Amino acid sequence: MHKKWICLIIISLILISCSTKPGPNLASKASLIHPKSTTKSEILQYFGPPVQVFVAQDGKEEWYYYYRVKNFWENFPIVRKYRGEDYTEILKIVFQGEIVEEAHYYTVKPSYKK
């Protein structure tokens, strides 16, 4: 049992360390996913390795892809508080075996402190 967890952690670390961030077309590529028919190898072809991988006790795998759309002004001291586009795109893909069971694309905006 412990060997499985150690192996899972090592594989997850390898996947995370080798991951590349998806480009700004994460949303359009997400439309290529068809639950119950798209395979893991197709997902790797479309997106590359996932940023994060979780394996549930029931054997389902969750793969996560992220892309941060930055506020253009955040690097300029005088106008950095201008809140233009600033959000993170997230794509969660759930596999049952080698086939996509479900896929969810959503965005998250950062909370701003006043």
Protein backbone atom coordinates (compact mmCIF):
# COMPACT_ATOMS: atom_id res chain seq x y z
CA MET A 1 0.00 0.00 0.00
CA HIS A 2 2.77 2.44 0.92
CA LYS A 3 4.66 1.59 -2.26
CA LYS A 4 1.65 2.70 -4.33
CA TRP A 5 1.56 6.09 -2.58
CA ILE A 6 5.30 6.62 -2.94
CA CYS A 7 5.10 5.71 -6.63
CA LEU A 8 2.12 8.04 -7.10
CA ILE A 9 3.94 10.92 -5.41
CA ILE A 10 7.06 10.38 -7.52
CA ILE A 11 5.04 10.22 -10.75
CA SER A 12 3.11 13.36 -9.75
CA LEU A 13 6.33 15.26 -9.02
CA ILE A 14 7.79 14.20 -12.36
CA LEU A 15 4.65 15.31 -14.19
CA ILE A 16 4.57 18.63 -12.34
CA SER A 17 8.26 19.33 -12.93
CA CYS A 18 7.98 18.57 -16.66
CA SER A 19 4.75 20.45 -17.21
CA THR A 20 4.38 23.36 -19.54
CA LYS A 21 1.78 26.04 -19.19
CA PRO A 22 -0.94 25.97 -21.81
CA GLY A 23 -1.18 28.96 -24.09
CA PRO A 24 -3.94 31.52 -24.21
CA ASN A 25 -6.06 29.18 -26.30
CA LEU A 26 -6.90 26.92 -23.34
CA ALA A 27 -10.62 27.68 -23.72
CA SER A 28 -10.76 26.87 -27.42
CA LYS A 29 -8.74 23.68 -26.97
CA ALA A 30 -11.13 22.62 -24.19
CA SER A 31 -13.85 22.41 -26.84
CA LEU A 32 -11.90 19.51 -28.43
CA ILE A 33 -12.62 17.30 -25.41
CA HIS A 34 -15.53 14.86 -25.78
CA PRO A 35 -16.42 12.95 -22.60
CA LYS A 36 -16.69 9.19 -23.01
CA SER A 37 -14.54 9.21 -26.18
CA THR A 38 -11.41 11.40 -25.81
CA THR A 39 -8.37 9.49 -24.53
CA LYS A 40 -5.43 10.42 -22.29
CA SER A 41 -3.05 10.33 -25.24
CA GLU A 42 -5.26 12.81 -27.13
CA ILE A 43 -5.31 15.12 -24.09
CA LEU A 44 -1.51 14.96 -23.89
CA GLN A 45 -1.35 15.78 -27.59
CA TYR A 46 -3.69 18.79 -27.22
CA PHE A 47 -2.35 20.24 -23.94
CA GLY A 48 0.92 18.55 -23.04
CA PRO A 49 1.52 17.23 -19.53
CA PRO A 50 -0.86 18.46 -16.81
CA VAL A 51 0.20 20.97 -14.17
CA GLN A 52 -1.35 18.86 -11.39
CA VAL A 53 -2.59 15.28 -11.13
CA PHE A 54 -4.72 13.78 -8.39
CA VAL A 55 -5.81 10.15 -8.10
CA ALA A 56 -8.94 9.39 -6.08
CA GLN A 57 -9.49 6.20 -4.10
CA ASP A 58 -12.00 5.02 -6.70
CA GLY A 59 -9.23 5.10 -9.34
CA LYS A 60 -10.37 8.22 -11.16
CA GLU A 61 -7.63 10.66 -12.15
CA GLU A 62 -8.05 14.43 -12.18
CA TRP A 63 -5.73 16.42 -14.43
CA TYR A 64 -5.48 20.20 -14.08
CA TYR A 65 -4.26 22.78 -16.55
CA TYR A 66 -3.90 26.48 -15.64
CA TYR A 67 -3.23 29.66 -17.55
CA ARG A 68 -3.03 33.08 -15.90
CA VAL A 69 -4.19 36.07 -17.90
CA LYS A 70 -2.29 38.92 -16.30
CA ASN A 71 -3.30 42.49 -15.80
CA PHE A 72 -1.22 44.42 -18.34
CA TRP A 73 -0.60 47.24 -15.85
CA GLU A 74 0.63 45.14 -12.90
CA ASN A 75 4.30 45.78 -13.70
CA PHE A 76 3.93 49.57 -13.78
CA PRO A 77 4.17 51.13 -10.29
CA ILE A 78 2.01 54.19 -10.89
CA VAL A 79 -0.94 52.45 -12.55
CA ARG A 80 -0.64 48.91 -11.14
CA LYS A 81 -3.90 49.25 -9.19
CA TYR A 82 -5.83 49.54 -12.45
CA ARG A 83 -7.74 46.29 -12.62
CA GLY A 84 -7.75 45.27 -16.23
CA GLU A 85 -7.86 41.65 -17.26
CA ASP A 86 -6.57 39.52 -14.43
CA TYR A 87 -7.86 35.99 -14.05
CA THR A 88 -6.79 32.37 -14.17
CA GLU A 89 -8.22 29.86 -16.63
CA ILE A 90 -8.61 26.36 -15.21
CA LEU A 91 -9.31 23.14 -17.05
CA LYS A 92 -10.13 20.08 -14.94
CA ILE A 93 -10.26 16.74 -16.75
CA VAL A 94 -11.45 13.58 -14.99
CA PHE A 95 -10.43 10.20 -16.37
CA GLN A 96 -11.89 6.78 -15.71
CA GLY A 97 -9.15 4.52 -16.97
CA GLU A 98 -7.84 5.89 -20.29
CA ILE A 99 -11.04 7.74 -21.28
CA VAL A 100 -12.22 11.23 -20.30
CA GLU A 101 -15.25 10.96 -18.05
CA GLU A 102 -15.83 14.72 -17.66
CA ALA A 103 -14.14 18.03 -18.34
CA HIS A 104 -14.74 21.45 -16.78
CA TYR A 105 -13.36 24.79 -17.96
CA TYR A 106 -13.75 27.83 -15.72
CA THR A 107 -12.06 31.05 -14.73
CA VAL A 108 -11.17 32.47 -11.31
CA LYS A 109 -10.55 36.12 -10.56
CA PRO A 110 -8.21 37.11 -7.73
CA SER A 111 -9.69 38.73 -4.66
CA TYR A 112 -8.44 42.27 -4.16
CA LYS A 113 -7.76 43.77 -0.75
CA LYS A 114 -8.72 47.37 -0.25
